Amino acid sequence: MRTREEYIQELKEKLDEFNAKLDELQVQGKLAEMDSRKEYEEQVQRFTAKRDEIVSRLNEMRHSSDEAWEDLRKGIDQAWSHLKEAFDQARSH
């Protein structure tokens, strides 16, 4: 089982990768036709809000008790899974 610090480090790396992909999506949006551009911008805003929620939970985890961090981890894992699925779906369109 991973320690809290290992989990936090792993999640930071995932977030860094996600941020790079989000940057790519923003560039695609800027290069898109005008009517598609708005859709890209809306997607970026939704993904950014969800990412920020995960970062907030991660910060909460850093300061949580040993007993509470496992529950927080489960919530973060679920939020991460939903974000990744939604992002992958959006990129495939």
N, C-alpha and C. Protein backbone atom coordinates (compact mmCIF):
# COMPACT_ATOMS: atom_id res chain seq x y z
N MET A 1 0.85 -1.19 0.00
CA MET A 1 0.00 0.00 0.00
C MET A 1 0.89 1.25 0.00
N ARG A 2 0.48 2.20 -0.79
CA ARG A 2 1.24 3.44 -0.88
C ARG A 2 1.04 4.29 0.38
N THR A 3 2.07 5.03 0.71
CA THR A 3 1.95 5.98 1.80
C THR A 3 1.24 7.23 1.28
N ARG A 4 0.86 8.06 2.20
CA ARG A 4 0.20 9.31 1.81
C ARG A 4 1.12 10.14 0.91
N GLU A 5 2.38 10.25 1.27
CA GLU A 5 3.31 11.06 0.48
C GLU A 5 3.52 10.47 -0.91
N GLU A 6 3.59 9.15 -1.01
CA GLU A 6 3.72 8.52 -2.33
C GLU A 6 2.49 8.79 -3.18
N TYR A 7 1.32 8.70 -2.55
CA TYR A 7 0.07 8.97 -3.27
C TYR A 7 0.03 10.42 -3.75
N ILE A 8 0.40 11.34 -2.88
CA ILE A 8 0.38 12.76 -3.24
C ILE A 8 1.34 13.01 -4.40
N GLN A 9 2.53 12.44 -4.34
CA GLN A 9 3.50 12.63 -5.42
C GLN A 9 2.98 12.06 -6.74
N GLU A 10 2.37 10.87 -6.67
CA GLU A 10 1.82 10.25 -7.87
C GLU A 10 0.71 11.11 -8.47
N LEU A 11 -0.15 11.64 -7.62
CA LEU A 11 -1.24 12.49 -8.10
C LEU A 11 -0.70 13.79 -8.69
N LYS A 12 0.34 14.35 -8.09
CA LYS A 12 0.95 15.56 -8.65
C LYS A 12 1.45 15.30 -10.07
N GLU A 13 2.08 14.13 -10.26
CA GLU A 13 2.58 13.79 -11.60
C GLU A 13 1.43 13.64 -12.59
N LYS A 14 0.35 13.01 -12.15
CA LYS A 14 -0.82 12.87 -13.03
C LYS A 14 -1.39 14.25 -13.38
N LEU A 15 -1.45 15.13 -12.38
CA LEU A 15 -1.96 16.47 -12.63
C LEU A 15 -1.07 17.25 -13.59
N ASP A 16 0.24 17.08 -13.48
CA ASP A 16 1.15 17.73 -14.41
C ASP A 16 0.90 17.26 -15.84
N GLU A 17 0.72 15.95 -16.02
CA GLU A 17 0.42 15.40 -17.34
C GLU A 17 -0.92 15.93 -17.85
N PHE A 18 -1.91 15.98 -16.95
CA PHE A 18 -3.22 16.48 -17.33
C PHE A 18 -3.14 17.95 -17.74
N ASN A 19 -2.38 18.73 -17.00
CA ASN A 19 -2.23 20.15 -17.33
C ASN A 19 -1.63 20.33 -18.72
N ALA A 20 -0.68 19.48 -19.08
CA ALA A 20 -0.08 19.56 -20.42
C ALA A 20 -1.13 19.24 -21.48
N LYS A 21 -1.96 18.24 -21.23
CA LYS A 21 -3.01 17.87 -22.18
C LYS A 21 -4.06 18.98 -22.26
N LEU A 22 -4.35 19.60 -21.13
CA LEU A 22 -5.31 20.70 -21.11
C LEU A 22 -4.76 21.89 -21.91
N ASP A 23 -3.47 22.13 -21.80
CA ASP A 23 -2.84 23.19 -22.60
C ASP A 23 -2.99 22.90 -24.09
N GLU A 24 -2.80 21.63 -24.48
CA GLU A 24 -2.98 21.24 -25.88
C GLU A 24 -4.41 21.50 -26.35
N LEU A 25 -5.37 21.18 -25.48
CA LEU A 25 -6.77 21.41 -25.82
C LEU A 25 -7.04 22.90 -26.01
N GLN A 26 -6.43 23.74 -25.18
CA GLN A 26 -6.60 25.18 -25.33
C GLN A 26 -6.03 25.67 -26.67
N VAL A 27 -4.89 25.13 -27.06
CA VAL A 27 -4.30 25.51 -28.34
C VAL A 27 -5.21 25.08 -29.47
N GLN A 28 -5.73 23.86 -29.41
CA GLN A 28 -6.65 23.38 -30.44
C GLN A 28 -7.87 24.30 -30.53
N GLY A 29 -8.35 24.73 -29.38
CA GLY A 29 -9.50 25.63 -29.36
C GLY A 29 -9.21 26.95 -30.03
N LYS A 30 -8.01 27.46 -29.82
CA LYS A 30 -7.64 28.73 -30.44
C LYS A 30 -7.49 28.60 -31.95
N LEU A 31 -7.15 27.41 -32.40
CA LEU A 31 -6.98 27.19 -33.83
C LEU A 31 -8.27 26.76 -34.53
N ALA A 32 -9.29 26.47 -33.76
CA ALA A 32 -10.55 25.95 -34.31
C ALA A 32 -11.36 27.06 -34.98
N GLU A 33 -12.31 26.63 -35.77
CA GLU A 33 -13.26 27.56 -36.37
C GLU A 33 -13.99 28.30 -35.25
N MET A 34 -14.52 29.45 -35.56
CA MET A 34 -15.14 30.30 -34.55
C MET A 34 -16.24 29.58 -33.78
N ASP A 35 -17.14 28.85 -34.44
CA ASP A 35 -18.24 28.19 -33.73
C ASP A 35 -17.73 27.04 -32.86
N SER A 36 -16.66 26.38 -33.25
CA SER A 36 -16.08 25.30 -32.45
C SER A 36 -15.26 25.86 -31.29
N ARG A 37 -14.73 27.04 -31.48
CA ARG A 37 -13.88 27.65 -30.46
C ARG A 37 -14.62 27.80 -29.13
N LYS A 38 -15.88 28.20 -29.20
CA LYS A 38 -16.66 28.38 -27.97
C LYS A 38 -16.81 27.04 -27.24
N GLU A 39 -17.04 25.97 -27.98
CA GLU A 39 -17.17 24.65 -27.38
C GLU A 39 -15.87 24.25 -26.68
N TYR A 40 -14.74 24.50 -27.33
CA TYR A 40 -13.43 24.20 -26.72
C TYR A 40 -13.26 24.99 -25.43
N GLU A 41 -13.59 26.27 -25.48
CA GLU A 41 -13.44 27.12 -24.30
C GLU A 41 -14.30 26.63 -23.14
N GLU A 42 -15.52 26.20 -23.44
CA GLU A 42 -16.40 25.67 -22.39
C GLU A 42 -15.84 24.39 -21.80
N GLN A 43 -15.31 23.52 -22.66
CA GLN A 43 -14.72 22.28 -22.17
C GLN A 43 -13.51 22.57 -21.28
N VAL A 44 -12.67 23.47 -21.70
CA VAL A 44 -11.49 23.83 -20.92
C VAL A 44 -11.92 24.36 -19.55
N GLN A 45 -12.95 25.19 -19.51
CA GLN A 45 -13.43 25.72 -18.23
C GLN A 45 -13.94 24.62 -17.32
N ARG A 46 -14.70 23.67 -17.89
CA ARG A 46 -15.22 22.56 -17.08
C ARG A 46 -14.08 21.70 -16.53
N PHE A 47 -13.11 21.38 -17.40
CA PHE A 47 -12.00 20.55 -16.97
C PHE A 47 -11.13 21.27 -15.94
N THR A 48 -10.95 22.56 -16.12
CA THR A 48 -10.16 23.34 -15.18
C THR A 48 -10.84 23.36 -13.81
N ALA A 49 -12.15 23.52 -13.78
CA ALA A 49 -12.88 23.53 -12.51
C ALA A 49 -12.76 22.18 -11.81
N LYS A 50 -12.88 21.10 -12.56
CA LYS A 50 -12.77 19.76 -11.97
C LYS A 50 -11.34 19.52 -11.48
N ARG A 51 -10.37 19.95 -12.24
CA ARG A 51 -8.98 19.81 -11.82
C ARG A 51 -8.73 20.60 -10.54
N ASP A 52 -9.26 21.80 -10.47
CA ASP A 52 -9.08 22.63 -9.28
C ASP A 52 -9.71 21.98 -8.05
N GLU A 53 -10.83 21.28 -8.25
CA GLU A 53 -11.47 20.56 -7.15
C GLU A 53 -10.55 19.46 -6.63
N ILE A 54 -9.91 18.75 -7.55
CA ILE A 54 -8.99 17.69 -7.15
C ILE A 54 -7.79 18.28 -6.40
N VAL A 55 -7.26 19.38 -6.88
CA VAL A 55 -6.14 20.04 -6.21
C VAL A 55 -6.55 20.48 -4.80
N SER A 56 -7.76 20.99 -4.67
CA SER A 56 -8.26 21.40 -3.35
C SER A 56 -8.34 20.20 -2.40
N ARG A 57 -8.84 19.09 -2.91
CA ARG A 57 -8.92 17.87 -2.09
C ARG A 57 -7.53 17.36 -1.73
N LEU A 58 -6.60 17.50 -2.65
CA LEU A 58 -5.23 17.09 -2.40
C LEU A 58 -4.63 17.93 -1.27
N ASN A 59 -4.88 19.22 -1.30
CA ASN A 59 -4.39 20.09 -0.23
C ASN A 59 -5.04 19.74 1.10
N GLU A 60 -6.30 19.40 1.06
CA GLU A 60 -7.00 18.98 2.28
C GLU A 60 -6.37 17.69 2.81
N MET A 61 -6.01 16.79 1.91
CA MET A 61 -5.41 15.52 2.31
C MET A 61 -4.09 15.74 3.04
N ARG A 62 -3.32 16.70 2.57
CA ARG A 62 -2.02 16.97 3.20
C ARG A 62 -2.15 17.29 4.68
N HIS A 63 -3.26 17.87 5.04
CA HIS A 63 -3.45 18.33 6.42
C HIS A 63 -4.42 17.46 7.21
N SER A 64 -4.81 16.33 6.65
CA SER A 64 -5.79 15.48 7.31
C SER A 64 -5.11 14.49 8.26
N SER A 65 -5.91 13.93 9.11
CA SER A 65 -5.40 12.90 10.02
C SER A 65 -5.11 11.63 9.24
N ASP A 66 -4.38 10.74 9.85
CA ASP A 66 -4.06 9.47 9.21
C ASP A 66 -5.32 8.67 8.89
N GLU A 67 -6.31 8.77 9.74
CA GLU A 67 -7.55 8.03 9.53
C GLU A 67 -8.37 8.63 8.38
N ALA A 68 -8.35 9.94 8.25
CA ALA A 68 -9.19 10.61 7.26
C ALA A 68 -8.59 10.56 5.86
N TRP A 69 -7.29 10.40 5.74
CA TRP A 69 -6.69 10.50 4.42
C TRP A 69 -7.13 9.38 3.50
N GLU A 70 -7.43 8.22 4.03
CA GLU A 70 -7.88 7.11 3.19
C GLU A 70 -9.24 7.43 2.56
N ASP A 71 -10.14 8.03 3.33
CA ASP A 71 -11.44 8.43 2.77
C ASP A 71 -11.26 9.51 1.71
N LEU A 72 -10.38 10.45 1.97
CA LEU A 72 -10.10 11.50 1.00
C LEU A 72 -9.50 10.90 -0.27
N ARG A 73 -8.64 9.92 -0.13
CA ARG A 73 -8.01 9.27 -1.28
C ARG A 73 -9.08 8.64 -2.18
N LYS A 74 -10.04 7.97 -1.56
CA LYS A 74 -11.11 7.34 -2.34
C LYS A 74 -11.89 8.39 -3.14
N GLY A 75 -12.21 9.49 -2.50
CA GLY A 75 -12.93 10.57 -3.19
C GLY A 75 -12.12 11.18 -4.32
N ILE A 76 -10.82 11.36 -4.08
CA ILE A 76 -9.95 11.92 -5.12
C ILE A 76 -9.84 10.94 -6.28
N ASP A 77 -9.67 9.65 -5.96
CA ASP A 77 -9.57 8.64 -7.03
C ASP A 77 -10.83 8.65 -7.90
N GLN A 78 -11.96 8.76 -7.28
CA GLN A 78 -13.22 8.78 -8.03
C GLN A 78 -13.31 10.05 -8.89
N ALA A 79 -12.98 11.19 -8.32
CA ALA A 79 -13.02 12.45 -9.07
C ALA A 79 -12.01 12.41 -10.23
N TRP A 80 -10.84 11.85 -9.97
CA TRP A 80 -9.83 11.75 -11.02
C TRP A 80 -10.32 10.86 -12.17
N SER A 81 -10.93 9.74 -11.82
CA SER A 81 -11.45 8.81 -12.82
C SER A 81 -12.50 9.49 -13.71
N HIS A 82 -13.41 10.24 -13.10
CA HIS A 82 -14.45 10.94 -13.86
C HIS A 82 -13.84 12.01 -14.76
N LEU A 83 -12.87 12.73 -14.23
CA LEU A 83 -12.23 13.78 -15.02
C LEU A 83 -11.50 13.18 -16.22
N LYS A 84 -10.76 12.13 -16.00
CA LYS A 84 -10.02 11.48 -17.08
C LYS A 84 -10.96 10.93 -18.15
N GLU A 85 -12.04 10.28 -17.74
CA GLU A 85 -13.02 9.75 -18.69
C GLU A 85 -13.63 10.86 -19.53
N ALA A 86 -14.05 11.93 -18.87
CA ALA A 86 -14.67 13.05 -19.59
C ALA A 86 -13.68 13.70 -20.55
N PHE A 87 -12.45 13.84 -20.11
CA PHE A 87 -11.44 14.46 -20.95
C PHE A 87 -11.13 13.59 -22.17
N ASP A 88 -10.96 12.29 -21.94
CA ASP A 88 -10.68 11.38 -23.05
C ASP A 88 -11.83 11.36 -24.05
N GLN A 89 -13.04 11.41 -23.54
CA GLN A 89 -14.22 11.45 -24.41
C GLN A 89 -14.23 12.72 -25.25
N ALA A 90 -13.93 13.83 -24.62
CA ALA A 90 -13.94 15.11 -25.34
C ALA A 90 -12.84 15.15 -26.39
N ARG A 91 -11.70 14.60 -26.09
CA ARG A 91 -10.59 14.60 -27.06
C ARG A 91 -10.88 13.69 -28.25
N SER A 92 -11.71 12.68 -28.06
CA SER A 92 -12.00 11.78 -29.16
C SER A 92 -12.99 12.38 -30.16
N HIS A 93 -13.64 13.49 -29.78
CA HIS A 93 -14.60 14.12 -30.70
C HIS A 93 -13.91 15.12 -31.51
